[in-house]
Amino acid sequence: QAQAAESTGGRQIEEVVVTAERQESSVQDTSISITAFTEGMMEDFGIRNQSDLQNLIPATVILPYDAAIRGVGRNFRSLGGDPGISTYMNGVYSEDLYTATIGSFWDIKRIEILRGPQGTLYGRNAIGGAMNFIYNEPTQEFEGAFKVIGGTFDTIDSYGMISGALIDDTLAGRLSISNRTHDGYLNEAGIGPDLDSGKERNVAAQLLLTPRDDFQVKLRYNDAQVDRVMGGADGGGLVILRGESQDGLSRDYSKYVFGYRAIDSTVTDPMNRGFYDATQPVYTFTDPMGGPDVQAQYVRPGIDRVLDMAGDGSLGGTVGLPNYGYGIEADPNHCVFTDLKNIKGSDLCAYTNGVNMENYDQQGIQLEAEWDVSDTLSVKYIFGRNQSLYQRITDDDNTYSTKMDRQFYVNHEGDYQSHELQAFYDLGDSVSMTSGIFFYDAEINQRGDFYSEAEDPRFTTADPYSVAILGAGSQTNLYSARDLSAPDGVTQVATGAWEGDPGGTAIEKGPNTLGTDLLYHTTTKRDAFAAYTQGVWSMSDDFTLTAGVRYATDEVFGEENLWRYTEAYLPPALLGLNLAELNVVRGALDAETLQPTGNVHVLASGIPLSLAVHRHMNRKDTKVTARLNVDWDFADNMMMYANVTSGYRSGGYNLVFFSATATYDPEELVAYEIGFKGQHLDNTLQIFASAYLYDYSNIHTFGAELSATGGT
């Protein structure tokens, strides 16, 4: 918990002063489970980033944008929900941990990790805990520092800082810069540079104004930029950890689509989905519910529909998914890893089209004004603003195919603003109070674009059958369903012909892409308020009682819009052709062999359509949480404490997927904890221990279900 420092009596544990309870106290005297690192400790332990920090924090998992403490975090980023761990930078709340760690831990005075609910002293919900990042302040004396770190993969980390007086005894300033670069760690076996490179730059400027002894203003502004080659995504990255063929050991570059269909050996009509093809292998599937075994073969592109929507009695099967590696001339065993026990980092490689990128542009302001009104009263105002735009492109199909391709572009735009007013006051010699009110406004927009870098003609060009049936000029756009003015909570759908995507900027702030087959745009707007107060009563020299209460309300608006290319089955009686005949007429299938000709893309399910979907929702959640804690200082430098604290996280929405579970209720937690803190052996040994019991209800997690639009 603390570094060793030289003293006249030998080496001892350094006292670490924290602001975990919004006022300064030592870690030893703070009656909550906390881990704190000073600047010197981080230097001694070599803590430069999130990964380093996680190794030294008990019961904590840190991801780039989120953290979990004692198992409480954010299991999924549904875009319509709150994090489980609150991040604070100089007292200003942030929804994303990355905003506090992007510039490495250069020029940070202290990091505090608080375990358990922290609602009665923090304006924002902190059901699982809080992480406080406190930066070094400007100094009246001139000082500066510079550091360079080099390593393999052309790693160069450079840091600089300068601080000093701008107006003697009145105004001081501080400027710090960090710049970190390294080449890609992941070998690109397809096209382009190696993946997972790093390029981060962060500039922070601070001012400290002290016009009077009883009044001061702190202002910090930072500008951060990340620009690197992306090497991973939501699905776990670009590394193939299993094969995509029947044996599971290699990739399959020969099939046009993946998927299986149930067969019946008595069916001789090749147009029937249950047709038994004597030239193809047969696979046996076992029913996990105890039913009879099912004989199956691979689906046949352009012949077997994705689903039996016609009800014509043909046998069903799994969905026919495109094989984006179709036609690639590559070793099917290359870049496939099945022996995970012996995998080495140097073995890792991936296939992409070489356009992967990640860019993050962020600006933040933290303002604090504090006035010591009297010996017994001080007030503090905290303002924060955080604006960011995150963008990335990843190869969604994990191939470098120039025939069939699917790239994924996404941007995530956040604008967060908070105001907090606090009062610290004493009621006599034995009671001190902390009270505050908190206002928070947030808007998050996320936009996604799935497109074809290979200019796949199925998406770039209009389909004549679709236009003939539904009419020219009827193609929908991303907001066609929203324009129909659906009621709150109702899913609205609009359809039209598929007239192709010849290129252009499909979404706001997005790039010019060609062959788009899916777009989405979600919006979350949150208006939150909280009022809290906590009192500390020194009942005697040995016992202290702490009690607090917090009232919070959240009003949340959520909206999701989806537009995509889809194929709809039309019965032969309406179209005059079944699916296979349609593909033969189009020249996609050979009339004799029913195999793909390669001249025209194959329609896998039916006539192309453009589909737009929209839904919006409103909700309001209100909750009161509380804390009760007793400290017992039973000996010098030894304390025991026991507390019960309730935590809360407001409800939210499952956005993007048009989930059948559109919204979820607030999450609640009651934490019971007992702890011990002691310093021993002439302050050379420090022991902190705690035991806790969580009564956790309505946990926010994720699962698979049917979507409101009929898909999965």
Foldseek 3Di string as FASTA:
>chain_A
DADWDQDPVGIFGDWDWDCLLPDTDTPLPDAFDKDKDFPVRCVVQVQWADVSVVVPDPQKDDDQWWIAHVNAFFFDPLVWFATQEWEEEQLRTDRTPNVVGQQTLPQWGMKMWTAAWDFFRHWDFHGGTYIYTYGDAADQDWDKDKDWDADPQRWIKIKIKIKHAPDHPFKIKMKIKIWIWGAALFAEPADAGHADTWTKIKIKMKMWGDPDPFKIKIKMKMKMKIKGFHAQDPVGGLQAAWEPDPVRQFHDQADFWFWKWFADPVDCDQLFSRHDDPVFDWDWDDDPVHDDITIITTGAFLRDAQAPPVPPPGTHTHGTGGQLSHPDPDGRNQSYHHPVVPDDSNRHYFAALHPWMKMKIKMKMWMKMKGDPDPFKIKMKIKMKMWMKIKTKDFPNGHNDLAGGKIKIKIKIKIKIKIKMKMWGADPDFKIKIKMKMKIKMKMKMKMWIFGPSQHVVAAAFDPVQCVVFHPPFADAQCNQVVVPDDAFDKGKDKGGRGHFNWDQRDPPRDIGHRTFKMKMKMKIKIKMKIKMKMWGCPDPFKIKIKMKMKMKMKMKMKMKMKGKDFDADDCVVVVDHSLRVCVVVQQAPPPPRHGPPPHDHDRHHHIMMMMMMHMHIDMDIDMWMKIKMWGPPDVQKIKMKMKTKGKIAKTASYDQQAPCGIFGMKIKIKIKMKMWGADDNNRDIDIDMDMDIDIPRRDHDDDDAHPVGHD
